[in-house]
Amino acid sequence: MAARRSRCSETLTLEYLTTYHYPGDLLDPQECEFRRAAMGRLENFDMRVEFHQDMLPAAVWWSVWDGVDGDIAESELVTLDSQHSVHRYLRFLERTVVGFHWSWQHDAAGRPAISR
């Protein structure tokens, strides 16, 4: 099938996979989140984050941020499924920032306690 240009108002699907490599700075809150911003209207938004079985977080939240550089405005605790993932589908997004953030269990010294 030959490549062609999309027509005006044609609907296309974009799917991509992002892989994080650990160890990172597990104390850095920016390394404990995955979020996306929609400046215009985005329809049929589907986000899934899967954790490695040896790197499971203590808790995960679905959140809405107050802008790209803002703080979390709303948060809802979610539960990992049997594939160690969290998932959210939204019919549409418009002018917002949404995603997941998580925390790790900590040992007595305050360091992240991750099973390996």
N, C-alpha and C. Protein backbone atom coordinates (compact mmCIF):
# COMPACT_ATOMS: atom_id res chain seq x y z
N MET A 1 0.84 -1.17 0.00
CA MET A 1 0.00 0.00 0.00
C MET A 1 0.90 1.24 0.00
N ALA A 2 0.65 2.15 -0.89
CA ALA A 2 1.46 3.36 -1.02
C ALA A 2 1.07 4.39 0.03
N ALA A 3 2.06 5.16 0.47
CA ALA A 3 1.79 6.24 1.43
C ALA A 3 1.01 7.35 0.72
N ARG A 4 0.13 8.03 1.47
CA ARG A 4 -0.62 9.13 0.92
C ARG A 4 -0.82 10.19 1.99
N ARG A 5 -1.12 11.39 1.56
CA ARG A 5 -1.41 12.48 2.49
C ARG A 5 -2.78 12.30 3.09
N SER A 6 -2.91 12.71 4.35
CA SER A 6 -4.22 12.68 5.01
C SER A 6 -5.07 13.81 4.48
N ARG A 7 -6.36 13.54 4.37
CA ARG A 7 -7.30 14.57 3.94
C ARG A 7 -7.73 15.39 5.15
N CYS A 8 -8.13 16.62 4.89
CA CYS A 8 -8.62 17.51 5.94
C CYS A 8 -9.76 16.83 6.68
N SER A 9 -9.73 16.86 8.00
CA SER A 9 -10.72 16.29 8.92
C SER A 9 -10.73 14.76 8.94
N GLU A 10 -9.75 14.13 8.32
CA GLU A 10 -9.65 12.67 8.37
C GLU A 10 -9.14 12.24 9.74
N THR A 11 -9.68 11.17 10.27
CA THR A 11 -9.28 10.67 11.58
C THR A 11 -8.17 9.64 11.43
N LEU A 12 -7.12 9.82 12.23
CA LEU A 12 -6.00 8.88 12.24
C LEU A 12 -5.74 8.43 13.67
N THR A 13 -5.13 7.29 13.83
CA THR A 13 -4.77 6.77 15.14
C THR A 13 -3.26 6.80 15.29
N LEU A 14 -2.81 7.24 16.47
CA LEU A 14 -1.38 7.25 16.78
C LEU A 14 -1.20 6.42 18.05
N GLU A 15 -0.36 5.41 17.97
CA GLU A 15 -0.04 4.60 19.14
C GLU A 15 1.46 4.54 19.27
N TYR A 16 1.95 4.76 20.49
CA TYR A 16 3.39 4.67 20.69
C TYR A 16 3.68 4.09 22.07
N LEU A 17 4.88 3.59 22.22
CA LEU A 17 5.34 2.93 23.43
C LEU A 17 6.56 3.68 23.95
N THR A 18 6.55 3.98 25.25
CA THR A 18 7.68 4.61 25.90
C THR A 18 8.20 3.67 26.97
N THR A 19 9.50 3.44 27.00
CA THR A 19 10.09 2.56 28.00
C THR A 19 11.02 3.37 28.88
N TYR A 20 10.83 3.28 30.20
CA TYR A 20 11.74 3.91 31.15
C TYR A 20 12.75 2.88 31.60
N HIS A 21 13.97 3.30 31.75
CA HIS A 21 15.02 2.40 32.21
C HIS A 21 15.43 2.80 33.63
N TYR A 22 15.43 1.84 34.54
CA TYR A 22 15.85 2.06 35.91
C TYR A 22 17.21 1.43 36.09
N PRO A 23 18.04 1.81 37.03
CA PRO A 23 17.68 2.78 38.07
C PRO A 23 17.79 4.22 37.57
N GLY A 24 16.93 5.02 38.10
CA GLY A 24 16.95 6.46 37.88
C GLY A 24 17.02 7.10 39.25
N ASP A 25 16.64 8.33 39.36
CA ASP A 25 16.57 8.96 40.67
C ASP A 25 15.17 8.73 41.20
N LEU A 26 14.99 7.66 41.94
CA LEU A 26 13.66 7.28 42.41
C LEU A 26 13.09 8.25 43.43
N LEU A 27 13.89 9.18 43.92
CA LEU A 27 13.40 10.21 44.84
C LEU A 27 12.90 11.45 44.09
N ASP A 28 13.16 11.54 42.80
CA ASP A 28 12.75 12.68 42.00
C ASP A 28 11.29 12.49 41.56
N PRO A 29 10.37 13.36 42.02
CA PRO A 29 8.96 13.20 41.66
C PRO A 29 8.71 13.23 40.15
N GLN A 30 9.55 13.92 39.39
CA GLN A 30 9.37 13.97 37.94
C GLN A 30 9.69 12.64 37.26
N GLU A 31 10.40 11.77 37.96
CA GLU A 31 10.67 10.43 37.42
C GLU A 31 9.62 9.43 37.88
N CYS A 32 8.62 9.92 38.60
CA CYS A 32 7.55 9.06 39.10
C CYS A 32 6.21 9.50 38.52
N GLU A 33 6.22 9.89 37.25
CA GLU A 33 4.97 10.31 36.62
C GLU A 33 5.05 10.10 35.11
N PHE A 34 3.88 9.96 34.52
CA PHE A 34 3.74 9.91 33.08
C PHE A 34 2.48 10.68 32.76
N ARG A 35 2.64 11.80 32.05
CA ARG A 35 1.48 12.65 31.77
C ARG A 35 1.55 13.20 30.36
N ARG A 36 0.39 13.64 29.86
CA ARG A 36 0.29 14.20 28.53
C ARG A 36 -0.59 15.44 28.58
N ALA A 37 -0.24 16.42 27.75
CA ALA A 37 -1.00 17.66 27.66
C ALA A 37 -1.76 17.68 26.34
N ALA A 38 -2.96 18.21 26.38
CA ALA A 38 -3.76 18.44 25.18
C ALA A 38 -4.06 19.93 25.12
N MET A 39 -3.50 20.60 24.14
CA MET A 39 -3.74 22.04 24.01
C MET A 39 -5.06 22.30 23.29
N GLY A 40 -5.33 21.55 22.24
CA GLY A 40 -6.62 21.64 21.54
C GLY A 40 -7.50 20.51 22.02
N ARG A 41 -8.42 20.09 21.19
CA ARG A 41 -9.31 18.98 21.54
C ARG A 41 -8.71 17.68 21.00
N LEU A 42 -8.64 16.67 21.84
CA LEU A 42 -8.12 15.36 21.50
C LEU A 42 -9.21 14.35 21.83
N GLU A 43 -9.61 13.55 20.87
CA GLU A 43 -10.69 12.58 21.10
C GLU A 43 -10.14 11.16 21.24
N ASN A 44 -10.87 10.35 22.00
CA ASN A 44 -10.54 8.94 22.22
C ASN A 44 -9.12 8.76 22.74
N PHE A 45 -8.85 9.36 23.87
CA PHE A 45 -7.54 9.32 24.51
C PHE A 45 -7.47 8.08 25.40
N ASP A 46 -6.42 7.30 25.23
CA ASP A 46 -6.24 6.04 25.97
C ASP A 46 -4.82 5.99 26.49
N MET A 47 -4.64 5.91 27.80
CA MET A 47 -3.31 5.86 28.40
C MET A 47 -3.19 4.62 29.28
N ARG A 48 -2.07 3.92 29.12
CA ARG A 48 -1.79 2.74 29.93
C ARG A 48 -0.33 2.79 30.35
N VAL A 49 -0.07 2.56 31.63
CA VAL A 49 1.30 2.49 32.15
C VAL A 49 1.46 1.12 32.81
N GLU A 50 2.47 0.39 32.37
CA GLU A 50 2.75 -0.93 32.92
C GLU A 50 4.08 -0.90 33.64
N PHE A 51 4.12 -1.48 34.83
CA PHE A 51 5.33 -1.53 35.64
C PHE A 51 5.95 -2.92 35.56
N HIS A 52 7.27 -2.95 35.63
CA HIS A 52 7.99 -4.23 35.68
C HIS A 52 7.61 -4.93 36.97
N GLN A 53 7.49 -6.24 36.92
CA GLN A 53 7.08 -7.00 38.11
C GLN A 53 8.01 -6.83 39.30
N ASP A 54 9.27 -6.46 39.05
CA ASP A 54 10.21 -6.24 40.15
C ASP A 54 10.30 -4.78 40.56
N MET A 55 9.51 -3.92 39.93
CA MET A 55 9.54 -2.48 40.21
C MET A 55 8.12 -1.96 40.42
N LEU A 56 7.38 -2.60 41.30
CA LEU A 56 5.99 -2.19 41.52
C LEU A 56 5.90 -1.04 42.51
N PRO A 57 5.12 -0.03 42.21
CA PRO A 57 4.98 1.12 43.12
C PRO A 57 4.11 0.78 44.32
N ALA A 58 4.24 1.57 45.37
CA ALA A 58 3.40 1.40 46.55
C ALA A 58 1.99 1.91 46.28
N ALA A 59 1.86 2.97 45.47
CA ALA A 59 0.56 3.54 45.14
C ALA A 59 0.66 4.27 43.81
N VAL A 60 -0.47 4.31 43.08
CA VAL A 60 -0.56 5.01 41.80
C VAL A 60 -1.83 5.86 41.80
N TRP A 61 -1.73 7.06 41.24
CA TRP A 61 -2.87 7.96 41.15
C TRP A 61 -3.06 8.41 39.71
N TRP A 62 -4.32 8.54 39.28
CA TRP A 62 -4.69 9.23 38.04
C TRP A 62 -4.87 10.68 38.44
N SER A 63 -4.26 11.60 37.70
CA SER A 63 -4.28 12.99 38.13
C SER A 63 -4.49 13.96 36.97
N VAL A 64 -4.94 15.15 37.35
CA VAL A 64 -5.06 16.29 36.45
C VAL A 64 -4.14 17.36 37.01
N TRP A 65 -3.26 17.90 36.17
CA TRP A 65 -2.33 18.94 36.60
C TRP A 65 -2.87 20.32 36.22
N ASP A 66 -2.49 21.32 36.98
CA ASP A 66 -2.87 22.70 36.71
C ASP A 66 -1.87 23.28 35.70
N GLY A 67 -2.01 22.87 34.44
CA GLY A 67 -1.11 23.33 33.39
C GLY A 67 0.13 22.47 33.29
N VAL A 68 0.92 22.74 32.28
CA VAL A 68 2.12 21.95 32.00
C VAL A 68 3.12 22.01 33.15
N ASP A 69 3.30 23.19 33.74
CA ASP A 69 4.26 23.36 34.83
C ASP A 69 3.60 23.45 36.20
N GLY A 70 2.28 23.24 36.25
CA GLY A 70 1.55 23.43 37.50
C GLY A 70 1.56 22.22 38.41
N ASP A 71 0.98 22.41 39.57
CA ASP A 71 0.84 21.34 40.55
C ASP A 71 -0.35 20.45 40.20
N ILE A 72 -0.48 19.36 40.91
CA ILE A 72 -1.62 18.46 40.73
C ILE A 72 -2.86 19.16 41.27
N ALA A 73 -3.91 19.22 40.43
CA ALA A 73 -5.16 19.87 40.81
C ALA A 73 -6.19 18.85 41.33
N GLU A 74 -6.18 17.66 40.75
CA GLU A 74 -7.10 16.58 41.15
C GLU A 74 -6.35 15.27 41.10
N SER A 75 -6.73 14.34 41.98
CA SER A 75 -6.06 13.05 42.01
C SER A 75 -7.03 11.97 42.47
N GLU A 76 -6.88 10.78 41.90
CA GLU A 76 -7.72 9.63 42.25
C GLU A 76 -6.82 8.40 42.34
N LEU A 77 -6.84 7.73 43.49
CA LEU A 77 -6.06 6.51 43.68
C LEU A 77 -6.59 5.43 42.74
N VAL A 78 -5.69 4.75 42.04
CA VAL A 78 -6.06 3.65 41.14
C VAL A 78 -5.31 2.39 41.56
N THR A 79 -5.75 1.26 41.06
CA THR A 79 -5.19 -0.03 41.44
C THR A 79 -4.53 -0.70 40.25
N LEU A 80 -3.37 -1.29 40.49
CA LEU A 80 -2.71 -2.07 39.44
C LEU A 80 -3.55 -3.29 39.08
N ASP A 81 -3.59 -3.63 37.79
CA ASP A 81 -4.31 -4.83 37.38
C ASP A 81 -3.37 -6.04 37.40
N SER A 82 -3.83 -7.17 36.89
CA SER A 82 -3.03 -8.41 36.93
C SER A 82 -1.78 -8.34 36.06
N GLN A 83 -1.71 -7.36 35.15
CA GLN A 83 -0.53 -7.18 34.31
C GLN A 83 0.37 -6.07 34.86
N HIS A 84 0.16 -5.69 36.11
CA HIS A 84 0.95 -4.64 36.78
C HIS A 84 0.81 -3.30 36.06
N SER A 85 -0.39 -3.01 35.56
CA SER A 85 -0.59 -1.77 34.82
C SER A 85 -1.81 -1.01 35.33
N VAL A 86 -1.86 0.26 34.95
CA VAL A 86 -3.01 1.11 35.18
C VAL A 86 -3.44 1.66 33.83
N HIS A 87 -4.71 1.95 33.69
CA HIS A 87 -5.25 2.32 32.39
C HIS A 87 -6.36 3.35 32.58
N ARG A 88 -6.43 4.29 31.63
CA ARG A 88 -7.53 5.27 31.64
C ARG A 88 -7.89 5.62 30.21
N TYR A 89 -9.19 5.57 29.91
CA TYR A 89 -9.71 6.00 28.61
C TYR A 89 -10.60 7.21 28.84
N LEU A 90 -10.41 8.22 28.01
CA LEU A 90 -11.26 9.41 28.06
C LEU A 90 -11.82 9.66 26.67
N ARG A 91 -13.09 9.92 26.59
CA ARG A 91 -13.72 10.20 25.28
C ARG A 91 -13.07 11.41 24.61
N PHE A 92 -12.69 12.40 25.41
CA PHE A 92 -11.97 13.54 24.85
C PHE A 92 -11.21 14.27 25.95
N LEU A 93 -10.19 15.01 25.53
CA LEU A 93 -9.42 15.92 26.38
C LEU A 93 -9.43 17.26 25.67
N GLU A 94 -9.40 18.33 26.44
CA GLU A 94 -9.29 19.64 25.83
C GLU A 94 -8.65 20.60 26.82
N ARG A 95 -7.53 21.18 26.40
CA ARG A 95 -6.80 22.17 27.19
C ARG A 95 -6.58 21.70 28.63
N THR A 96 -5.92 20.56 28.76
CA THR A 96 -5.66 19.99 30.08
C THR A 96 -4.40 19.14 30.06
N VAL A 97 -3.94 18.77 31.25
CA VAL A 97 -2.78 17.89 31.41
C VAL A 97 -3.22 16.76 32.35
N VAL A 98 -3.09 15.52 31.89
CA VAL A 98 -3.53 14.36 32.66
C VAL A 98 -2.49 13.26 32.63
N GLY A 99 -2.57 12.33 33.57
CA GLY A 99 -1.68 11.19 33.56
C GLY A 99 -1.63 10.49 34.90
N PHE A 100 -0.65 9.64 35.05
CA PHE A 100 -0.45 8.86 36.26
C PHE A 100 0.81 9.33 36.98
N HIS A 101 0.76 9.28 38.30
CA HIS A 101 1.99 9.44 39.09
C HIS A 101 1.94 8.40 40.20
N TRP A 102 3.10 8.08 40.73
CA TRP A 102 3.18 6.98 41.69
C TRP A 102 4.23 7.27 42.75
N SER A 103 4.19 6.44 43.79
CA SER A 103 5.18 6.53 44.87
C SER A 103 5.72 5.13 45.13
N TRP A 104 6.93 5.12 45.65
CA TRP A 104 7.58 3.86 46.01
C TRP A 104 7.52 3.67 47.52
N GLN A 105 7.56 2.43 47.98
CA GLN A 105 7.71 2.17 49.41
C GLN A 105 9.11 2.62 49.80
N HIS A 106 9.26 3.06 51.05
CA HIS A 106 10.57 3.52 51.53
C HIS A 106 11.03 2.65 52.68
N ASP A 107 12.35 2.47 52.77
CA ASP A 107 12.91 1.73 53.89
C ASP A 107 13.07 2.66 55.10
N ALA A 108 13.64 2.14 56.17
CA ALA A 108 13.77 2.92 57.41
C ALA A 108 14.65 4.16 57.23
N ALA A 109 15.56 4.14 56.25
CA ALA A 109 16.44 5.28 56.01
C ALA A 109 15.82 6.30 55.06
N GLY A 110 14.59 6.01 54.60
CA GLY A 110 13.92 6.94 53.70
C GLY A 110 14.24 6.75 52.23
N ARG A 111 14.96 5.68 51.91
CA ARG A 111 15.28 5.38 50.51
C ARG A 111 14.18 4.51 49.91
N PRO A 112 13.92 4.64 48.60
CA PRO A 112 12.93 3.75 47.97
C PRO A 112 13.33 2.29 48.17
N ALA A 113 12.39 1.48 48.62
CA ALA A 113 12.63 0.05 48.84
C ALA A 113 11.99 -0.70 47.69
N ILE A 114 12.75 -0.98 46.67
CA ILE A 114 12.26 -1.65 45.47
C ILE A 114 12.75 -3.09 45.49
N SER A 115 11.83 -4.03 45.24
CA SER A 115 12.25 -5.44 45.18
C SER A 115 12.92 -5.69 43.85
N ARG A 116 13.97 -6.47 43.85
CA ARG A 116 14.68 -6.79 42.60
C ARG A 116 14.84 -8.28 42.49
